[in-house]
Amino acid sequence: MATNFLLNTFNEKSITERENLGKTSDKLREPGCHLATIKDMYITETDSWSKVDVNFTTDKGTVNISEFNSTPKDDTTEAVAKAEAANNRLQNSLARMFKAAGLKDMATAAAGATESKDAKGRTTIVFTKPTGKKLYITTHIEIQSDKDGIKAYANCVIDTFKYLDKTGLNGMKIDSREAFDTAAKDRREIYFRDDKNPACIAKLAQLNEQAMGGTSAAPAAPANPGTGMPTGVPAAPISDEDI
C-alpha cells in the first residue's frame, strides 16, 4: 500500500514538481542586514520591454533584484509621467546600490558593458564593472500570491533604500548595520498588489503567530495610509515551501 501511495502521489505531480523533488533552494531565507557580493548585473531587452536584474550572493544564500523598465500604456500626459516616475525610482534605486558598492554612478557602472543574445535570442547587456563588488544589503519578508491568487508565499526581498558600503557605513559614514538588521527582522509586508488577497492575509497572520511562539493568532497588519501596504509585524523563520 505504501508503494502504491508513493507512486500515485508522484504520478499526480506536474513535470516541474517532479524535477524539483529533492532539490534544495539556495535562496536567502533570513531577513536582516547581510554582507553581499554582486554576482552579476544585466539588462534584457525586447521590442516591447526591458528588465534589469542584479544577483547577489551572501553567506546565507542568494537574492536578487529584478525590475522592469516602465513604458507608457498610451500617449497621454498622465501615462507618460507615470512611466517616467517609475523609471526614475528604478534609477535612484540603482544609484544607491552603485554608491554603496564603490561605483560613482550609472555611467561608471556601465563602462565596458558587453552586449550579446540570451538563449531566447533576446538582447542582453551585461554590466561587468559591478561584478565582484561588495556591499551590505538589507532584506525583509514580503508575502505574495501565486499567479492564480490561491496560494501565498513569503520571500526575502531587498530594501533598495538601505544599502551600506562593505564596511557597514551609510552615506554619512555612520555604521548602520545593527540598526538596519534589527528593523529588517521586525518588518513583514504583503506585496502592495496583494494586500486584499485572503491567502496573503492568512499567511501574514500565520507567520505572526509563529513569531509569537504559536501562543495566539494575530490579525493581518494594518495598511499604511501613505503606501497602501501593510505595516511590519515580528519576523518568523521561513519554511522551504515559502522559497
C-alpha atoms as a PDB file:
ATOM      1  CA  MET A   1       0.000   0.000   0.000  1.00  0.00           C
ATOM      2  CA  ALA A   2       2.827   2.398   0.845  1.00  0.00           C
ATOM      3  CA  THR A   3       4.454   1.815  -2.534  1.00  0.00           C
ATOM      4  CA  ASN A   4       1.182   2.389  -4.360  1.00  0.00           C
ATOM      5  CA  PHE A   5       0.572   5.553  -2.378  1.00  0.00           C
ATOM      6  CA  LEU A   6       4.029   6.926  -3.238  1.00  0.00           C
ATOM      7  CA  LEU A   7       3.694   6.072  -6.915  1.00  0.00           C
ATOM      8  CA  ASN A   8       0.201   7.550  -7.128  1.00  0.00           C
ATOM      9  CA  THR A   9       1.189  10.838  -5.487  1.00  0.00           C
ATOM     10  CA  PHE A  10       4.308  11.036  -7.670  1.00  0.00           C
ATOM     11  CA  ASN A  11       2.294  10.482 -10.843  1.00  0.00           C
ATOM     12  CA  GLU A  12      -0.125  13.217  -9.824  1.00  0.00           C
ATOM     13  CA  LYS A  13       2.658  15.816  -9.758  1.00  0.00           C
ATOM     14  CA  SER A  14       3.465  18.029 -12.728  1.00  0.00           C
ATOM     15  CA  ILE A  15       6.722  17.569 -14.638  1.00  0.00           C
ATOM     16  CA  THR A  16       8.170  20.653 -12.934  1.00  0.00           C
ATOM     17  CA  GLU A  17       7.154  19.408  -9.499  1.00  0.00           C
ATOM     18  CA  ARG A  18       8.785  16.041 -10.194  1.00  0.00           C
ATOM     19  CA  GLU A  19      12.023  17.677 -11.352  1.00  0.00           C
ATOM     20  CA  ASN A  20      12.156  19.839  -8.214  1.00  0.00           C
ATOM     21  CA  LEU A  21      11.813  16.914  -5.807  1.00  0.00           C
ATOM     22  CA  GLY A  22      14.912  16.627  -3.648  1.00  0.00           C
ATOM     23  CA  LYS A  23      16.362  19.955  -4.723  1.00  0.00           C
ATOM     24  CA  THR A  24      17.494  22.422  -2.064  1.00  0.00           C
ATOM     25  CA  SER A  25      16.889  26.098  -2.641  1.00  0.00           C
ATOM     26  CA  ASP A  26      19.881  28.421  -2.353  1.00  0.00           C
ATOM     27  CA  LYS A  27      17.710  31.488  -1.839  1.00  0.00           C
ATOM     28  CA  LEU A  28      18.335  33.765   1.114  1.00  0.00           C
ATOM     29  CA  ARG A  29      15.753  32.966   3.790  1.00  0.00           C
ATOM     30  CA  GLU A  30      16.673  35.326   6.612  1.00  0.00           C
ATOM     31  CA  PRO A  31      15.633  38.970   6.918  1.00  0.00           C
ATOM     32  CA  GLY A  32      18.388  41.279   8.104  1.00  0.00           C
ATOM     33  CA  CYS A  33      21.496  43.182   7.026  1.00  0.00           C
ATOM     34  CA  HIS A  34      23.921  40.987   5.069  1.00  0.00           C
ATOM     35  CA  LEU A  35      27.351  41.440   3.552  1.00  0.00           C
ATOM     36  CA  ALA A  36      26.813  40.633  -0.117  1.00  0.00           C
ATOM     37  CA  THR A  37      28.763  40.316  -3.343  1.00  0.00           C
ATOM     38  CA  ILE A  38      27.289  41.343  -6.679  1.00  0.00           C
ATOM     39  CA  LYS A  39      27.385  38.154  -8.738  1.00  0.00           C
ATOM     40  CA  ASP A  40      26.216  39.765 -11.961  1.00  0.00           C
ATOM     41  CA  MET A  41      24.077  42.533 -13.400  1.00  0.00           C
ATOM     42  CA  TYR A  42      22.418  42.676 -16.787  1.00  0.00           C
ATOM     43  CA  ILE A  43      19.624  44.244 -18.801  1.00  0.00           C
ATOM     44  CA  THR A  44      17.387  42.118 -21.020  1.00  0.00           C
ATOM     45  CA  GLU A  45      15.713  43.926 -23.918  1.00  0.00           C
ATOM     46  CA  THR A  46      12.945  43.061 -26.357  1.00  0.00           C
ATOM     47  CA  ASP A  47      10.847  45.152 -28.747  1.00  0.00           C
ATOM     48  CA  SER A  48       8.181  45.614 -26.083  1.00  0.00           C
ATOM     49  CA  TRP A  49      10.003  45.623 -22.715  1.00  0.00           C
ATOM     50  CA  SER A  50      13.321  45.732 -20.912  1.00  0.00           C
ATOM     51  CA  LYS A  51      14.290  44.429 -17.489  1.00  0.00           C
ATOM     52  CA  VAL A  52      17.159  44.956 -15.061  1.00  0.00           C
ATOM     53  CA  ASP A  53      18.500  42.042 -12.999  1.00  0.00           C
ATOM     54  CA  VAL A  54      21.085  42.239 -10.229  1.00  0.00           C
ATOM     55  CA  ASN A  55      22.050  38.987  -8.480  1.00  0.00           C
ATOM     56  CA  PHE A  56      23.720  38.931  -5.071  1.00  0.00           C
ATOM     57  CA  THR A  57      25.413  36.191  -3.079  1.00  0.00           C
ATOM     58  CA  THR A  58      25.715  36.121   0.715  1.00  0.00           C
ATOM     59  CA  ASP A  59      26.981  33.537   3.173  1.00  0.00           C
ATOM     60  CA  LYS A  60      23.342  32.642   3.864  1.00  0.00           C
ATOM     61  CA  GLY A  61      22.057  32.381   0.301  1.00  0.00           C
ATOM     62  CA  THR A  62      21.313  34.259  -2.887  1.00  0.00           C
ATOM     63  CA  VAL A  63      18.888  37.102  -3.518  1.00  0.00           C
ATOM     64  CA  ASN A  64      18.198  39.352  -6.477  1.00  0.00           C
ATOM     65  CA  ILE A  65      16.568  42.483  -7.814  1.00  0.00           C
ATOM     66  CA  SER A  66      14.516  42.073 -10.981  1.00  0.00           C
ATOM     67  CA  GLU A  67      12.719  45.189 -12.206  1.00  0.00           C
ATOM     68  CA  PHE A  68      11.013  46.016 -15.491  1.00  0.00           C
ATOM     69  CA  ASN A  69      11.556  49.436 -17.007  1.00  0.00           C
ATOM     70  CA  SER A  70       8.202  51.163 -17.319  1.00  0.00           C
ATOM     71  CA  THR A  71       6.698  52.115 -20.667  1.00  0.00           C
ATOM     72  CA  PRO A  72       3.648  54.376 -21.054  1.00  0.00           C
ATOM     73  CA  LYS A  73       0.444  52.427 -21.659  1.00  0.00           C
ATOM     74  CA  ASP A  74      -0.636  55.176 -24.057  1.00  0.00           C
ATOM     75  CA  ASP A  75       0.439  58.643 -25.246  1.00  0.00           C
ATOM     76  CA  THR A  76      -1.437  60.632 -22.633  1.00  0.00           C
ATOM     77  CA  THR A  77       0.475  63.056 -20.449  1.00  0.00           C
ATOM     78  CA  GLU A  78      -0.587  61.147 -17.349  1.00  0.00           C
ATOM     79  CA  ALA A  79       0.660  57.783 -18.662  1.00  0.00           C
ATOM     80  CA  VAL A  80       3.983  59.222 -19.798  1.00  0.00           C
ATOM     81  CA  ALA A  81       4.513  60.982 -16.456  1.00  0.00           C
ATOM     82  CA  LYS A  82       3.680  57.797 -14.518  1.00  0.00           C
ATOM     83  CA  ALA A  83       6.189  55.736 -16.532  1.00  0.00           C
ATOM     84  CA  GLU A  84       8.874  58.385 -16.123  1.00  0.00           C
ATOM     85  CA  ALA A  85       8.320  58.472 -12.364  1.00  0.00           C
ATOM     86  CA  ALA A  86       8.632  54.678 -12.146  1.00  0.00           C
ATOM     87  CA  ASN A  87      11.847  54.702 -14.159  1.00  0.00           C
ATOM     88  CA  ASN A  88      13.262  57.498 -12.004  1.00  0.00           C
ATOM     89  CA  ARG A  89      12.572  55.389  -8.914  1.00  0.00           C
ATOM     90  CA  LEU A  90      14.437  52.480 -10.502  1.00  0.00           C
ATOM     91  CA  GLN A  91      17.400  54.670 -11.480  1.00  0.00           C
ATOM     92  CA  ASN A  92      17.578  56.157  -7.989  1.00  0.00           C
ATOM     93  CA  SER A  93      17.486  52.665  -6.512  1.00  0.00           C
ATOM     94  CA  LEU A  94      20.391  51.560  -8.700  1.00  0.00           C
ATOM     95  CA  ALA A  95      22.311  54.762  -7.927  1.00  0.00           C
ATOM     96  CA  ARG A  96      22.112  53.996  -4.195  1.00  0.00           C
ATOM     97  CA  MET A  97      23.366  50.477  -4.823  1.00  0.00           C
ATOM     98  CA  PHE A  98      26.252  51.659  -7.018  1.00  0.00           C
ATOM     99  CA  LYS A  99      27.437  54.201  -4.464  1.00  0.00           C
ATOM    100  CA  ALA A 100      27.402  51.629  -1.677  1.00  0.00           C
ATOM    101  CA  ALA A 101      29.394  49.286  -3.924  1.00  0.00           C
ATOM    102  CA  GLY A 102      32.033  51.955  -4.560  1.00  0.00           C
ATOM    103  CA  LEU A 103      30.907  52.915  -8.058  1.00  0.00           C
ATOM    104  CA  LYS A 104      30.325  56.603  -8.701  1.00  0.00           C
ATOM    105  CA  ASP A 105      27.201  56.376 -10.854  1.00  0.00           C
ATOM    106  CA  MET A 106      25.412  54.541 -13.655  1.00  0.00           C
ATOM    107  CA  ALA A 107      27.912  55.720 -16.261  1.00  0.00           C
ATOM    108  CA  THR A 108      30.778  54.299 -14.216  1.00  0.00           C
ATOM    109  CA  ALA A 109      28.943  51.011 -13.669  1.00  0.00           C
ATOM    110  CA  ALA A 110      28.058  50.718 -17.362  1.00  0.00           C
ATOM    111  CA  ALA A 111      31.603  51.315 -18.642  1.00  0.00           C
ATOM    112  CA  GLY A 112      32.763  48.284 -20.575  1.00  0.00           C
ATOM    113  CA  ALA A 113      29.320  46.672 -20.689  1.00  0.00           C
ATOM    114  CA  THR A 114      29.034  43.916 -23.264  1.00  0.00           C
ATOM    115  CA  GLU A 115      26.088  43.026 -25.499  1.00  0.00           C
ATOM    116  CA  SER A 116      25.041  39.543 -26.537  1.00  0.00           C
ATOM    117  CA  LYS A 117      21.977  37.328 -27.016  1.00  0.00           C
ATOM    118  CA  ASP A 118      20.459  35.040 -24.419  1.00  0.00           C
ATOM    119  CA  ALA A 119      19.110  31.533 -25.047  1.00  0.00           C
ATOM    120  CA  LYS A 120      15.819  33.004 -26.279  1.00  0.00           C
ATOM    121  CA  GLY A 121      17.501  35.375 -28.733  1.00  0.00           C
ATOM    122  CA  ARG A 122      16.861  38.482 -26.638  1.00  0.00           C
ATOM    123  CA  THR A 123      19.433  41.246 -26.417  1.00  0.00           C
ATOM    124  CA  THR A 124      21.355  41.136 -23.147  1.00  0.00           C
ATOM    125  CA  ILE A 125      23.611  43.920 -21.892  1.00  0.00           C
ATOM    126  CA  VAL A 126      25.992  42.684 -19.193  1.00  0.00           C
ATOM    127  CA  PHE A 127      27.482  45.192 -16.756  1.00  0.00           C
ATOM    128  CA  THR A 128      30.942  43.880 -15.909  1.00  0.00           C
ATOM    129  CA  LYS A 129      32.055  46.668 -13.526  1.00  0.00           C
ATOM    130  CA  PRO A 130      29.676  45.785 -10.645  1.00  0.00           C
ATOM    131  CA  THR A 131      30.657  42.087 -10.690  1.00  0.00           C
ATOM    132  CA  GLY A 132      32.506  41.138  -7.525  1.00  0.00           C
ATOM    133  CA  LYS A 133      31.769  44.391  -5.688  1.00  0.00           C
ATOM    134  CA  LYS A 134      30.864  44.022  -2.014  1.00  0.00           C
ATOM    135  CA  LEU A 135      28.279  45.958  -0.029  1.00  0.00           C
ATOM    136  CA  TYR A 136      25.720  45.429   2.710  1.00  0.00           C
ATOM    137  CA  ILE A 137      22.159  44.756   1.590  1.00  0.00           C
ATOM    138  CA  THR A 138      19.072  44.719   3.809  1.00  0.00           C
ATOM    139  CA  THR A 139      16.280  42.203   3.283  1.00  0.00           C
ATOM    140  CA  HIS A 140      12.815  41.871   4.759  1.00  0.00           C
ATOM    141  CA  ILE A 141       9.877  39.499   4.353  1.00  0.00           C
ATOM    142  CA  GLU A 142       7.380  40.129   1.575  1.00  0.00           C
ATOM    143  CA  ILE A 143       4.324  37.941   1.054  1.00  0.00           C
ATOM    144  CA  GLN A 144       2.968  37.417  -2.458  1.00  0.00           C
ATOM    145  CA  SER A 145       0.295  35.239  -4.004  1.00  0.00           C
ATOM    146  CA  ASP A 146       0.794  32.788  -6.851  1.00  0.00           C
ATOM    147  CA  LYS A 147      -0.437  33.669 -10.333  1.00  0.00           C
ATOM    148  CA  ASP A 148      -3.882  32.258  -9.562  1.00  0.00           C
ATOM    149  CA  GLY A 149      -4.171  34.149  -6.286  1.00  0.00           C
ATOM    150  CA  ILE A 150      -4.760  30.907  -4.370  1.00  0.00           C
ATOM    151  CA  LYS A 151      -1.506  30.290  -2.502  1.00  0.00           C
ATOM    152  CA  ALA A 152       0.721  32.762  -0.675  1.00  0.00           C
ATOM    153  CA  TYR A 153       4.491  32.677  -0.361  1.00  0.00           C
ATOM    154  CA  ALA A 154       6.888  34.541   1.924  1.00  0.00           C
ATOM    155  CA  ASN A 155      10.140  35.656   0.318  1.00  0.00           C
ATOM    156  CA  CYS A 156      13.134  37.735   1.307  1.00  0.00           C
ATOM    157  CA  VAL A 157      13.313  40.905  -0.790  1.00  0.00           C
ATOM    158  CA  ILE A 158      15.854  43.716  -0.827  1.00  0.00           C
ATOM    159  CA  ASP A 159      15.063  47.123   0.654  1.00  0.00           C
ATOM    160  CA  THR A 160      16.549  49.358  -2.038  1.00  0.00           C
ATOM    161  CA  PHE A 161      16.712  52.307   0.357  1.00  0.00           C
ATOM    162  CA  LYS A 162      19.007  50.532   2.807  1.00  0.00           C
ATOM    163  CA  TYR A 163      22.358  49.815   1.206  1.00  0.00           C
ATOM    164  CA  LEU A 164      25.615  50.217   3.145  1.00  0.00           C
ATOM    165  CA  ASP A 165      29.208  50.105   1.946  1.00  0.00           C
ATOM    166  CA  LYS A 166      31.323  46.997   2.527  1.00  0.00           C
ATOM    167  CA  THR A 167      32.331  48.257   5.987  1.00  0.00           C
ATOM    168  CA  GLY A 168      28.705  48.842   7.044  1.00  0.00           C
ATOM    169  CA  LEU A 169      28.728  52.636   6.750  1.00  0.00           C
ATOM    170  CA  ASN A 170      25.884  54.690   5.308  1.00  0.00           C
ATOM    171  CA  GLY A 171      26.303  57.842   3.214  1.00  0.00           C
ATOM    172  CA  MET A 172      27.007  59.878   6.355  1.00  0.00           C
ATOM    173  CA  LYS A 173      29.770  57.424   7.397  1.00  0.00           C
ATOM    174  CA  ILE A 174      27.711  56.021  10.276  1.00  0.00           C
ATOM    175  CA  ASP A 175      27.770  52.283  10.966  1.00  0.00           C
ATOM    176  CA  SER A 176      24.125  51.296  10.473  1.00  0.00           C
ATOM    177  CA  ARG A 177      24.400  47.508  10.329  1.00  0.00           C
ATOM    178  CA  GLU A 178      22.841  46.801  13.715  1.00  0.00           C
ATOM    179  CA  ALA A 179      20.002  49.283  13.263  1.00  0.00           C
ATOM    180  CA  PHE A 180      19.175  48.016   9.771  1.00  0.00           C
ATOM    181  CA  ASP A 181      19.402  44.387  10.885  1.00  0.00           C
ATOM    182  CA  THR A 182      17.059  44.873  13.846  1.00  0.00           C
ATOM    183  CA  ALA A 183      14.487  46.795  11.817  1.00  0.00           C
ATOM    184  CA  ALA A 184      14.546  44.249   8.997  1.00  0.00           C
ATOM    185  CA  LYS A 185      13.893  41.318  11.303  1.00  0.00           C
ATOM    186  CA  ASP A 186      10.776  43.078  12.599  1.00  0.00           C
ATOM    187  CA  ARG A 187       9.471  44.006   9.149  1.00  0.00           C
ATOM    188  CA  ARG A 188       6.990  41.925   7.235  1.00  0.00           C
ATOM    189  CA  GLU A 189       4.701  43.144   4.477  1.00  0.00           C
ATOM    190  CA  ILE A 190       2.240  41.923   1.910  1.00  0.00           C
ATOM    191  CA  TYR A 191       3.140  42.897  -1.654  1.00  0.00           C
ATOM    192  CA  PHE A 192       1.085  46.011  -2.361  1.00  0.00           C
ATOM    193  CA  ARG A 193      -0.863  44.444  -5.229  1.00  0.00           C
ATOM    194  CA  ASP A 194      -1.850  41.515  -2.994  1.00  0.00           C
ATOM    195  CA  ASP A 195      -2.885  43.452   0.095  1.00  0.00           C
ATOM    196  CA  LYS A 196      -6.517  42.319  -0.279  1.00  0.00           C
ATOM    197  CA  ASN A 197      -5.679  38.701  -1.116  1.00  0.00           C
ATOM    198  CA  PRO A 198      -7.132  36.316   1.528  1.00  0.00           C
ATOM    199  CA  ALA A 199      -4.265  33.820   1.203  1.00  0.00           C
ATOM    200  CA  CYS A 200      -1.676  36.547   1.782  1.00  0.00           C
ATOM    201  CA  ILE A 201      -3.559  37.946   4.760  1.00  0.00           C
ATOM    202  CA  ALA A 202      -3.796  34.452   6.253  1.00  0.00           C
ATOM    203  CA  LYS A 203      -0.091  33.831   5.606  1.00  0.00           C
ATOM    204  CA  LEU A 204       0.839  37.034   7.377  1.00  0.00           C
ATOM    205  CA  ALA A 205      -1.278  36.044  10.383  1.00  0.00           C
ATOM    206  CA  GLN A 206       0.247  32.560  10.398  1.00  0.00           C
ATOM    207  CA  LEU A 207       3.833  33.813  10.371  1.00  0.00           C
ATOM    208  CA  ASN A 208       2.997  36.389  13.008  1.00  0.00           C
ATOM    209  CA  GLU A 209       1.621  33.662  15.225  1.00  0.00           C
ATOM    210  CA  GLN A 210       4.792  31.619  14.725  1.00  0.00           C
ATOM    211  CA  ALA A 211       6.900  34.609  15.680  1.00  0.00           C
ATOM    212  CA  MET A 212       4.840  34.978  18.857  1.00  0.00           C
ATOM    213  CA  GLY A 213       5.663  31.390  19.780  1.00  0.00           C
ATOM    214  CA  GLY A 214       2.407  29.965  18.487  1.00  0.00           C
ATOM    215  CA  THR A 215       0.516  31.158  21.556  1.00  0.00           C
ATOM    216  CA  SER A 216      -2.001  33.337  19.789  1.00  0.00           C
ATOM    217  CA  ALA A 217      -3.088  34.269  16.324  1.00  0.00           C
ATOM    218  CA  ALA A 218      -2.571  37.833  15.209  1.00  0.00           C
ATOM    219  CA  PRO A 219      -4.589  39.804  12.694  1.00  0.00           C
ATOM    220  CA  ALA A 220      -3.070  40.984   9.463  1.00  0.00           C
ATOM    221  CA  ALA A 221      -1.035  44.136   9.837  1.00  0.00           C
ATOM    222  CA  PRO A 222      -2.967  47.352   9.227  1.00  0.00           C
ATOM    223  CA  ALA A 223      -2.355  49.141   5.965  1.00  0.00           C
ATOM    224  CA  ASN A 224      -0.001  52.088   5.902  1.00  0.00           C
ATOM    225  CA  PRO A 225      -2.141  55.011   4.698  1.00  0.00           C
ATOM    226  CA  GLY A 226       0.832  56.523   2.884  1.00  0.00           C
ATOM    227  CA  THR A 227       1.639  53.486   0.758  1.00  0.00           C
ATOM    228  CA  GLY A 228      -1.390  51.239   0.950  1.00  0.00           C
ATOM    229  CA  MET A 229       0.954  48.479   2.126  1.00  0.00           C
ATOM    230  CA  PRO A 230       0.634  46.654   5.450  1.00  0.00           C
ATOM    231  CA  THR A 231       2.981  47.703   8.195  1.00  0.00           C
ATOM    232  CA  GLY A 232       5.554  45.282   9.559  1.00  0.00           C
ATOM    233  CA  VAL A 233       4.963  42.617  12.170  1.00  0.00           C
ATOM    234  CA  PRO A 234       7.502  40.439  14.040  1.00  0.00           C
ATOM    235  CA  ALA A 235       9.610  38.221  11.809  1.00  0.00           C
ATOM    236  CA  ALA A 236       9.459  34.435  11.817  1.00  0.00           C
ATOM    237  CA  PRO A 237      11.528  31.676  10.202  1.00  0.00           C
ATOM    238  CA  ILE A 238      10.648  30.883   6.576  1.00  0.00           C
ATOM    239  CA  SER A 239       9.958  27.281   5.676  1.00  0.00           C
ATOM    240  CA  ASP A 240      11.082  25.587   2.451  1.00  0.00           C
ATOM    241  CA  GLU A 241       7.616  25.939   0.966  1.00  0.00           C
ATOM    242  CA  ASP A 242       7.979  29.713   1.038  1.00  0.00           C
ATOM    243  CA  ILE A 243      11.082  29.861  -1.119  1.00  0.00           C
END
